[in-house]
Amino acid sequence: MALAGKLASAGHSPDLLRTNATVHLRTHDGSITLARLEIETEGSVKGIDEQQFVRYAEDAKATCPVARALSGIPEIVLKATLTEGA
């Protein structure tokens, strides 16, 4: 939702945003721990190119309240892809 809000605030309301997250768990000191989070975001947004879309996604990752809450995960990877149509 942070990405949609950032895009809309900049005048680029998305036609489509689809996000999937994959969580990797590992055992650390006998406890299951979140070790890696892979976020894949695909969007259709008129008026911007892929490089701009990636910048918006990176900014959302850095400032989103949920992302900040998960910042203790050692590795968070983002892949953002702009698609041609919805």
PDB file of N, CA and C in Angstrom:
ATOM      1  N   MET A   1       0.820  -1.189   0.000  1.00  0.00           N
ATOM      2  CA  MET A   1       0.000   0.000   0.000  1.00  0.00           C
ATOM      3  C   MET A   1       0.862   1.250   0.000  1.00  0.00           C
ATOM      4  N   ALA A   2       2.038   1.181   0.581  1.00  0.00           N
ATOM      5  CA  ALA A   2       2.913   2.342   0.587  1.00  0.00           C
ATOM      6  C   ALA A   2       3.307   2.719  -0.834  1.00  0.00           C
ATOM      7  N   LEU A   3       3.577   1.730  -1.681  1.00  0.00           N
ATOM      8  CA  LEU A   3       3.958   2.010  -3.063  1.00  0.00           C
ATOM      9  C   LEU A   3       2.803   2.660  -3.808  1.00  0.00           C
ATOM     10  N   ALA A   4       1.606   2.150  -3.657  1.00  0.00           N
ATOM     11  CA  ALA A   4       0.440   2.733  -4.329  1.00  0.00           C
ATOM     12  C   ALA A   4       0.241   4.182  -3.890  1.00  0.00           C
ATOM     13  N   GLY A   5       0.393   4.443  -2.611  1.00  0.00           N
ATOM     14  CA  GLY A   5       0.240   5.802  -2.097  1.00  0.00           C
ATOM     15  C   GLY A   5       1.301   6.748  -2.634  1.00  0.00           C
ATOM     16  N   LYS A   6       2.538   6.293  -2.693  1.00  0.00           N
ATOM     17  CA  LYS A   6       3.624   7.123  -3.212  1.00  0.00           C
ATOM     18  C   LYS A   6       3.409   7.438  -4.691  1.00  0.00           C
ATOM     19  N   LEU A   7       3.016   6.427  -5.461  1.00  0.00           N
ATOM     20  CA  LEU A   7       2.759   6.653  -6.873  1.00  0.00           C
ATOM     21  C   LEU A   7       1.604   7.628  -7.071  1.00  0.00           C
ATOM     22  N   ALA A   8       0.513   7.413  -6.358  1.00  0.00           N
ATOM     23  CA  ALA A   8      -0.661   8.275  -6.492  1.00  0.00           C
ATOM     24  C   ALA A   8      -0.347   9.710  -6.069  1.00  0.00           C
ATOM     25  N   SER A   9       0.411   9.867  -5.002  1.00  0.00           N
ATOM     26  CA  SER A   9       0.778  11.215  -4.535  1.00  0.00           C
ATOM     27  C   SER A   9       1.604  11.964  -5.569  1.00  0.00           C
ATOM     28  N   ALA A  10       2.339  11.228  -6.377  1.00  0.00           N
ATOM     29  CA  ALA A  10       3.168  11.841  -7.421  1.00  0.00           C
ATOM     30  C   ALA A  10       2.410  11.989  -8.744  1.00  0.00           C
ATOM     31  N   GLY A  11       1.115  11.668  -8.738  1.00  0.00           N
ATOM     32  CA  GLY A  11       0.300  11.809  -9.938  1.00  0.00           C
ATOM     33  C   GLY A  11       0.361  10.615 -10.880  1.00  0.00           C
ATOM     34  N   HIS A  12       0.774   9.466 -10.379  1.00  0.00           N
ATOM     35  CA  HIS A  12       0.897   8.257 -11.200  1.00  0.00           C
ATOM     36  C   HIS A  12       0.090   7.115 -10.588  1.00  0.00           C
ATOM     37  N   SER A  13      -1.208   7.266 -10.505  1.00  0.00           N
ATOM     38  CA  SER A  13      -2.042   6.212  -9.923  1.00  0.00           C
ATOM     39  C   SER A  13      -1.853   4.920 -10.725  1.00  0.00           C
ATOM     40  N   PRO A  14      -1.506   3.834 -10.050  1.00  0.00           N
ATOM     41  CA  PRO A  14      -1.253   2.586 -10.770  1.00  0.00           C
ATOM     42  C   PRO A  14      -2.540   1.947 -11.281  1.00  0.00           C
ATOM     43  N   ASP A  15      -2.430   1.344 -12.470  1.00  0.00           N
ATOM     44  CA  ASP A  15      -3.533   0.537 -12.999  1.00  0.00           C
ATOM     45  C   ASP A  15      -3.540  -0.826 -12.325  1.00  0.00           C
ATOM     46  N   LEU A  16      -2.334  -1.314 -11.966  1.00  0.00           N
ATOM     47  CA  LEU A  16      -2.203  -2.630 -11.350  1.00  0.00           C
ATOM     48  C   LEU A  16      -0.937  -2.663 -10.509  1.00  0.00           C
ATOM     49  N   LEU A  17      -1.040  -3.192  -9.315  1.00  0.00           N
ATOM     50  CA  LEU A  17       0.117  -3.522  -8.478  1.00  0.00           C
ATOM     51  C   LEU A  17      -0.122  -4.914  -7.924  1.00  0.00           C
ATOM     52  N   ARG A  18       0.870  -5.762  -8.069  1.00  0.00           N
ATOM     53  CA  ARG A  18       0.786  -7.125  -7.545  1.00  0.00           C
ATOM     54  C   ARG A  18       2.089  -7.398  -6.807  1.00  0.00           C
ATOM     55  N   THR A  19       1.979  -7.802  -5.546  1.00  0.00           N
ATOM     56  CA  THR A  19       3.170  -8.049  -4.734  1.00  0.00           C
ATOM     57  C   THR A  19       3.094  -9.429  -4.103  1.00  0.00           C
ATOM     58  N   ASN A  20       4.207 -10.149  -4.177  1.00  0.00           N
ATOM     59  CA  ASN A  20       4.353 -11.440  -3.518  1.00  0.00           C
ATOM     60  C   ASN A  20       5.568 -11.373  -2.613  1.00  0.00           C
ATOM     61  N   ALA A  21       5.480 -12.020  -1.480  1.00  0.00           N
ATOM     62  CA  ALA A  21       6.609 -12.065  -0.554  1.00  0.00           C
ATOM     63  C   ALA A  21       6.911 -13.519  -0.210  1.00  0.00           C
ATOM     64  N   THR A  22       8.189 -13.829  -0.212  1.00  0.00           N
ATOM     65  CA  THR A  22       8.656 -15.151   0.178  1.00  0.00           C
ATOM     66  C   THR A  22       9.519 -14.981   1.417  1.00  0.00           C
ATOM     67  N   VAL A  23       9.186 -15.711   2.463  1.00  0.00           N
ATOM     68  CA  VAL A  23       9.917 -15.622   3.728  1.00  0.00           C
ATOM     69  C   VAL A  23      10.767 -16.871   3.896  1.00  0.00           C
ATOM     70  N   HIS A  24      12.027 -16.671   4.215  1.00  0.00           N
ATOM     71  CA  HIS A  24      12.939 -17.785   4.482  1.00  0.00           C
ATOM     72  C   HIS A  24      13.169 -17.865   5.994  1.00  0.00           C
ATOM     73  N   LEU A  25      12.949 -19.045   6.547  1.00  0.00           N
ATOM     74  CA  LEU A  25      13.138 -19.270   7.979  1.00  0.00           C
ATOM     75  C   LEU A  25      14.408 -20.083   8.197  1.00  0.00           C
ATOM     76  N   ARG A  26      15.105 -19.790   9.272  1.00  0.00           N
ATOM     77  CA  ARG A  26      16.280 -20.563   9.668  1.00  0.00           C
ATOM     78  C   ARG A  26      16.229 -20.757  11.167  1.00  0.00           C
ATOM     79  N   THR A  27      16.901 -21.796  11.614  1.00  0.00           N
ATOM     80  CA  THR A  27      17.022 -22.012  13.051  1.00  0.00           C
ATOM     81  C   THR A  27      18.272 -21.293  13.541  1.00  0.00           C
ATOM     82  N   HIS A  28      18.091 -20.477  14.558  1.00  0.00           N
ATOM     83  CA  HIS A  28      19.194 -19.727  15.148  1.00  0.00           C
ATOM     84  C   HIS A  28      19.105 -19.863  16.659  1.00  0.00           C
ATOM     85  N   ASP A  29      20.131 -20.408  17.264  1.00  0.00           N
ATOM     86  CA  ASP A  29      20.144 -20.640  18.715  1.00  0.00           C
ATOM     87  C   ASP A  29      18.927 -21.433  19.175  1.00  0.00           C
ATOM     88  N   GLY A  30      18.523 -22.399  18.341  1.00  0.00           N
ATOM     89  CA  GLY A  30      17.419 -23.273  18.703  1.00  0.00           C
ATOM     90  C   GLY A  30      16.038 -22.708  18.448  1.00  0.00           C
ATOM     91  N   SER A  31      15.956 -21.491  17.886  1.00  0.00           N
ATOM     92  CA  SER A  31      14.656 -20.876  17.602  1.00  0.00           C
ATOM     93  C   SER A  31      14.524 -20.603  16.112  1.00  0.00           C
ATOM     94  N   ILE A  32      13.311 -20.747  15.617  1.00  0.00           N
ATOM     95  CA  ILE A  32      13.038 -20.412  14.225  1.00  0.00           C
ATOM     96  C   ILE A  32      13.091 -18.889  14.092  1.00  0.00           C
ATOM     97  N   THR A  33      13.823 -18.417  13.070  1.00  0.00           N
ATOM     98  CA  THR A  33      14.048 -16.991  12.881  1.00  0.00           C
ATOM     99  C   THR A  33      13.783 -16.617  11.426  1.00  0.00           C
ATOM    100  N   LEU A  34      13.223 -15.430  11.231  1.00  0.00           N
ATOM    101  CA  LEU A  34      13.076 -14.907   9.874  1.00  0.00           C
ATOM    102  C   LEU A  34      14.461 -14.499   9.395  1.00  0.00           C
ATOM    103  N   ALA A  35      14.932 -15.123   8.321  1.00  0.00           N
ATOM    104  CA  ALA A  35      16.298 -14.877   7.864  1.00  0.00           C
ATOM    105  C   ALA A  35      16.357 -14.040   6.588  1.00  0.00           C
ATOM    106  N   ARG A  36      15.342 -14.144   5.759  1.00  0.00           N
ATOM    107  CA  ARG A  36      15.364 -13.432   4.478  1.00  0.00           C
ATOM    108  C   ARG A  36      13.931 -13.208   4.017  1.00  0.00           C
ATOM    109  N   LEU A  37      13.690 -12.057   3.446  1.00  0.00           N
ATOM    110  CA  LEU A  37      12.388 -11.720   2.885  1.00  0.00           C
ATOM    111  C   LEU A  37      12.615 -11.260   1.455  1.00  0.00           C
ATOM    112  N   GLU A  38      11.981 -11.951   0.519  1.00  0.00           N
ATOM    113  CA  GLU A  38      12.067 -11.573  -0.890  1.00  0.00           C
ATOM    114  C   GLU A  38      10.729 -10.983  -1.308  1.00  0.00           C
ATOM    115  N   ILE A  39      10.754  -9.747  -1.759  1.00  0.00           N
ATOM    116  CA  ILE A  39       9.548  -9.044  -2.174  1.00  0.00           C
ATOM    117  C   ILE A  39       9.611  -8.848  -3.685  1.00  0.00           C
ATOM    118  N   GLU A  40       8.589  -9.330  -4.383  1.00  0.00           N
ATOM    119  CA  GLU A  40       8.494  -9.135  -5.829  1.00  0.00           C
ATOM    120  C   GLU A  40       7.246  -8.309  -6.111  1.00  0.00           C
ATOM    121  N   THR A  41       7.445  -7.150  -6.719  1.00  0.00           N
ATOM    122  CA  THR A  41       6.345  -6.245  -7.028  1.00  0.00           C
ATOM    123  C   THR A  41       6.300  -6.010  -8.523  1.00  0.00           C
ATOM    124  N   GLU A  42       5.123  -6.169  -9.075  1.00  0.00           N
ATOM    125  CA  GLU A  42       4.891  -5.953 -10.496  1.00  0.00           C
ATOM    126  C   GLU A  42       3.813  -4.886 -10.605  1.00  0.00           C
ATOM    127  N   GLY A  43       4.002  -3.942 -11.494  1.00  0.00           N
ATOM    128  CA  GLY A  43       3.009  -2.887 -11.615  1.00  0.00           C
ATOM    129  C   GLY A  43       2.822  -2.404 -13.034  1.00  0.00           C
ATOM    130  N   SER A  44       1.646  -1.887 -13.286  1.00  0.00           N
ATOM    131  CA  SER A  44       1.334  -1.213 -14.534  1.00  0.00           C
ATOM    132  C   SER A  44       0.977   0.220 -14.158  1.00  0.00           C
ATOM    133  N   VAL A  45       1.846   1.143 -14.555  1.00  0.00           N
ATOM    134  CA  VAL A  45       1.680   2.546 -14.170  1.00  0.00           C
ATOM    135  C   VAL A  45       1.988   3.407 -15.390  1.00  0.00           C
ATOM    136  N   LYS A  46       1.001   4.150 -15.856  1.00  0.00           N
ATOM    137  CA  LYS A  46       1.209   5.022 -17.017  1.00  0.00           C
ATOM    138  C   LYS A  46       2.052   6.238 -16.609  1.00  0.00           C
ATOM    139  N   GLY A  47       2.908   6.670 -17.520  1.00  0.00           N
ATOM    140  CA  GLY A  47       3.641   7.913 -17.323  1.00  0.00           C
ATOM    141  C   GLY A  47       4.993   7.784 -16.651  1.00  0.00           C
ATOM    142  N   ILE A  48       5.418   6.558 -16.319  1.00  0.00           N
ATOM    143  CA  ILE A  48       6.749   6.378 -15.739  1.00  0.00           C
ATOM    144  C   ILE A  48       7.439   5.213 -16.438  1.00  0.00           C
ATOM    145  N   ASP A  49       8.766   5.210 -16.348  1.00  0.00           N
ATOM    146  CA  ASP A  49       9.505   4.086 -16.918  1.00  0.00           C
ATOM    147  C   ASP A  49       9.924   3.131 -15.797  1.00  0.00           C
ATOM    148  N   GLU A  50      10.556   2.032 -16.173  1.00  0.00           N
ATOM    149  CA  GLU A  50      10.916   0.996 -15.190  1.00  0.00           C
ATOM    150  C   GLU A  50      11.870   1.538 -14.115  1.00  0.00           C
ATOM    151  N   GLN A  51      12.826   2.362 -14.525  1.00  0.00           N
ATOM    152  CA  GLN A  51      13.781   2.924 -13.564  1.00  0.00           C
ATOM    153  C   GLN A  51      13.058   3.772 -12.511  1.00  0.00           C
ATOM    154  N   GLN A  52      12.102   4.566 -12.927  1.00  0.00           N
ATOM    155  CA  GLN A  52      11.315   5.366 -11.981  1.00  0.00           C
ATOM    156  C   GLN A  52      10.498   4.463 -11.067  1.00  0.00           C
ATOM    157  N   PHE A  53       9.898   3.422 -11.642  1.00  0.00           N
ATOM    158  CA  PHE A  53       9.097   2.491 -10.844  1.00  0.00           C
ATOM    159  C   PHE A  53       9.954   1.844  -9.759  1.00  0.00           C
ATOM    160  N   VAL A  54      11.150   1.423 -10.129  1.00  0.00           N
ATOM    161  CA  VAL A  54      12.059   0.811  -9.154  1.00  0.00           C
ATOM    162  C   VAL A  54      12.407   1.812  -8.051  1.00  0.00           C
ATOM    163  N   ARG A  55      12.633   3.069  -8.412  1.00  0.00           N
ATOM    164  CA  ARG A  55      12.931   4.089  -7.387  1.00  0.00           C
ATOM    165  C   ARG A  55      11.753   4.274  -6.423  1.00  0.00           C
ATOM    166  N   TYR A  56      10.533   4.325  -6.955  1.00  0.00           N
ATOM    167  CA  TYR A  56       9.355   4.429  -6.088  1.00  0.00           C
ATOM    168  C   TYR A  56       9.259   3.210  -5.172  1.00  0.00           C
ATOM    169  N   ALA A  57       9.507   2.024  -5.719  1.00  0.00           N
ATOM    170  CA  ALA A  57       9.433   0.789  -4.922  1.00  0.00           C
ATOM    171  C   ALA A  57      10.501   0.778  -3.830  1.00  0.00           C
ATOM    172  N   GLU A  58      11.713   1.191  -4.156  1.00  0.00           N
ATOM    173  CA  GLU A  58      12.788   1.252  -3.157  1.00  0.00           C
ATOM    174  C   GLU A  58      12.450   2.258  -2.056  1.00  0.00           C
ATOM    175  N   ASP A  59      11.877   3.392  -2.443  1.00  0.00           N
ATOM    176  CA  ASP A  59      11.479   4.396  -1.454  1.00  0.00           C
ATOM    177  C   ASP A  59      10.379   3.849  -0.550  1.00  0.00           C
ATOM    178  N   ALA A  60       9.409   3.153  -1.127  1.00  0.00           N
ATOM    179  CA  ALA A  60       8.336   2.556  -0.328  1.00  0.00           C
ATOM    180  C   ALA A  60       8.906   1.522   0.637  1.00  0.00           C
ATOM    181  N   LYS A  61       9.851   0.726   0.163  1.00  0.00           N
ATOM    182  CA  LYS A  61      10.489  -0.283   1.020  1.00  0.00           C
ATOM    183  C   LYS A  61      11.177   0.379   2.216  1.00  0.00           C
ATOM    184  N   ALA A  62      11.808   1.516   1.978  1.00  0.00           N
ATOM    185  CA  ALA A  62      12.551   2.195   3.038  1.00  0.00           C
ATOM    186  C   ALA A  62      11.655   2.920   4.040  1.00  0.00           C
ATOM    187  N   THR A  63      10.460   3.311   3.616  1.00  0.00           N
ATOM    188  CA  THR A  63       9.630   4.159   4.475  1.00  0.00           C
ATOM    189  C   THR A  63       8.322   3.526   4.930  1.00  0.00           C
ATOM    190  N   CYS A  64       7.950   2.390   4.379  1.00  0.00           N
ATOM    191  CA  CYS A  64       6.699   1.721   4.731  1.00  0.00           C
ATOM    192  C   CYS A  64       6.727   1.284   6.203  1.00  0.00           C
ATOM    193  N   PRO A  65       5.664   1.530   6.961  1.00  0.00           N
ATOM    194  CA  PRO A  65       5.639   1.122   8.366  1.00  0.00           C
ATOM    195  C   PRO A  65       5.835  -0.382   8.553  1.00  0.00           C
ATOM    196  N   VAL A  66       5.280  -1.190   7.652  1.00  0.00           N
ATOM    197  CA  VAL A  66       5.451  -2.640   7.771  1.00  0.00           C
ATOM    198  C   VAL A  66       6.901  -3.019   7.502  1.00  0.00           C
ATOM    199  N   ALA A  67       7.497  -2.428   6.467  1.00  0.00           N
ATOM    200  CA  ALA A  67       8.897  -2.710   6.155  1.00  0.00           C
ATOM    201  C   ALA A  67       9.806  -2.289   7.314  1.00  0.00           C
ATOM    202  N   ARG A  68       9.511  -1.158   7.923  1.00  0.00           N
ATOM    203  CA  ARG A  68      10.320  -0.718   9.074  1.00  0.00           C
ATOM    204  C   ARG A  68      10.157  -1.692  10.234  1.00  0.00           C
ATOM    205  N   ALA A  69       8.954  -2.217  10.416  1.00  0.00           N
ATOM    206  CA  ALA A  69       8.726  -3.175  11.502  1.00  0.00           C
ATOM    207  C   ALA A  69       9.499  -4.466  11.257  1.00  0.00           C
ATOM    208  N   LEU A  70       9.717  -4.804   9.994  1.00  0.00           N
ATOM    209  CA  LEU A  70      10.435  -6.029   9.643  1.00  0.00           C
ATOM    210  C   LEU A  70      11.925  -5.794   9.433  1.00  0.00           C
ATOM    211  N   SER A  71      12.407  -4.626   9.755  1.00  0.00           N
ATOM    212  CA  SER A  71      13.802  -4.271   9.470  1.00  0.00           C
ATOM    213  C   SER A  71      14.823  -5.122  10.221  1.00  0.00           C
ATOM    214  N   GLY A  72      14.406  -5.880  11.209  1.00  0.00           N
ATOM    215  CA  GLY A  72      15.317  -6.764  11.923  1.00  0.00           C
ATOM    216  C   GLY A  72      15.674  -8.022  11.149  1.00  0.00           C
ATOM    217  N   ILE A  73      14.981  -8.264  10.030  1.00  0.00           N
ATOM    218  CA  ILE A  73      15.314  -9.410   9.187  1.00  0.00           C
ATOM    219  C   ILE A  73      16.658  -9.103   8.530  1.00  0.00           C
ATOM    220  N   PRO A  74      17.621 -10.010   8.639  1.00  0.00           N
ATOM    221  CA  PRO A  74      18.961  -9.717   8.128  1.00  0.00           C
ATOM    222  C   PRO A  74      19.023  -9.356   6.645  1.00  0.00           C
ATOM    223  N   GLU A  75      18.142  -9.929   5.837  1.00  0.00           N
ATOM    224  CA  GLU A  75      18.212  -9.672   4.396  1.00  0.00           C
ATOM    225  C   GLU A  75      16.808  -9.481   3.835  1.00  0.00           C
ATOM    226  N   ILE A  76      16.568  -8.305   3.273  1.00  0.00           N
ATOM    227  CA  ILE A  76      15.307  -8.024   2.600  1.00  0.00           C
ATOM    228  C   ILE A  76      15.654  -7.622   1.173  1.00  0.00           C
ATOM    229  N   VAL A  77      15.151  -8.400   0.206  1.00  0.00           N
ATOM    230  CA  VAL A  77      15.472  -8.203  -1.200  1.00  0.00           C
ATOM    231  C   VAL A  77      14.208  -7.766  -1.925  1.00  0.00           C
ATOM    232  N   LEU A  78      14.329  -6.738  -2.764  1.00  0.00           N
ATOM    233  CA  LEU A  78      13.196  -6.236  -3.534  1.00  0.00           C
ATOM    234  C   LEU A  78      13.486  -6.382  -5.014  1.00  0.00           C
ATOM    235  N   LYS A  79      12.503  -6.921  -5.745  1.00  0.00           N
ATOM    236  CA  LYS A  79      12.550  -6.950  -7.202  1.00  0.00           C
ATOM    237  C   LYS A  79      11.290  -6.258  -7.692  1.00  0.00           C
ATOM    238  N   ALA A  80      11.443  -5.150  -8.405  1.00  0.00           N
ATOM    239  CA  ALA A  80      10.302  -4.393  -8.906  1.00  0.00           C
ATOM    240  C   ALA A  80      10.324  -4.395 -10.433  1.00  0.00           C
ATOM    241  N   THR A  81       9.168  -4.708 -11.038  1.00  0.00           N
ATOM    242  CA  THR A  81       9.075  -4.815 -12.481  1.00  0.00           C
ATOM    243  C   THR A  81       7.861  -4.025 -12.961  1.00  0.00           C
ATOM    244  N   LEU A  82       8.070  -3.183 -13.947  1.00  0.00           N
ATOM    245  CA  LEU A  82       6.986  -2.426 -14.563  1.00  0.00           C
ATOM    246  C   LEU A  82       6.504  -3.202 -15.771  1.00  0.00           C
ATOM    247  N   THR A  83       5.184  -3.413 -15.876  1.00  0.00           N
ATOM    248  CA  THR A  83       4.607  -4.132 -17.008  1.00  0.00           C
ATOM    249  C   THR A  83       3.946  -3.153 -17.944  1.00  0.00           C
ATOM    250  N   GLU A  84       3.665  -3.596 -19.160  1.00  0.00           N
ATOM    251  CA  GLU A  84       3.085  -2.727 -20.183  1.00  0.00           C
ATOM    252  C   GLU A  84       1.606  -2.450 -19.967  1.00  0.00           C
ATOM    253  N   GLY A  85       0.845  -3.449 -19.598  1.00  0.00           N
ATOM    254  CA  GLY A  85      -0.593  -3.245 -19.461  1.00  0.00           C
ATOM    255  C   GLY A  85      -1.165  -3.947 -18.270  1.00  0.00           C
ATOM    256  N   ALA A  86      -2.338  -3.528 -17.889  1.00  0.00           N
ATOM    257  CA  ALA A  86      -2.985  -4.133 -16.723  1.00  0.00           C
ATOM    258  C   ALA A  86      -3.579  -5.463 -17.070  1.00  0.00           C
TER     259      ALA A  86
END
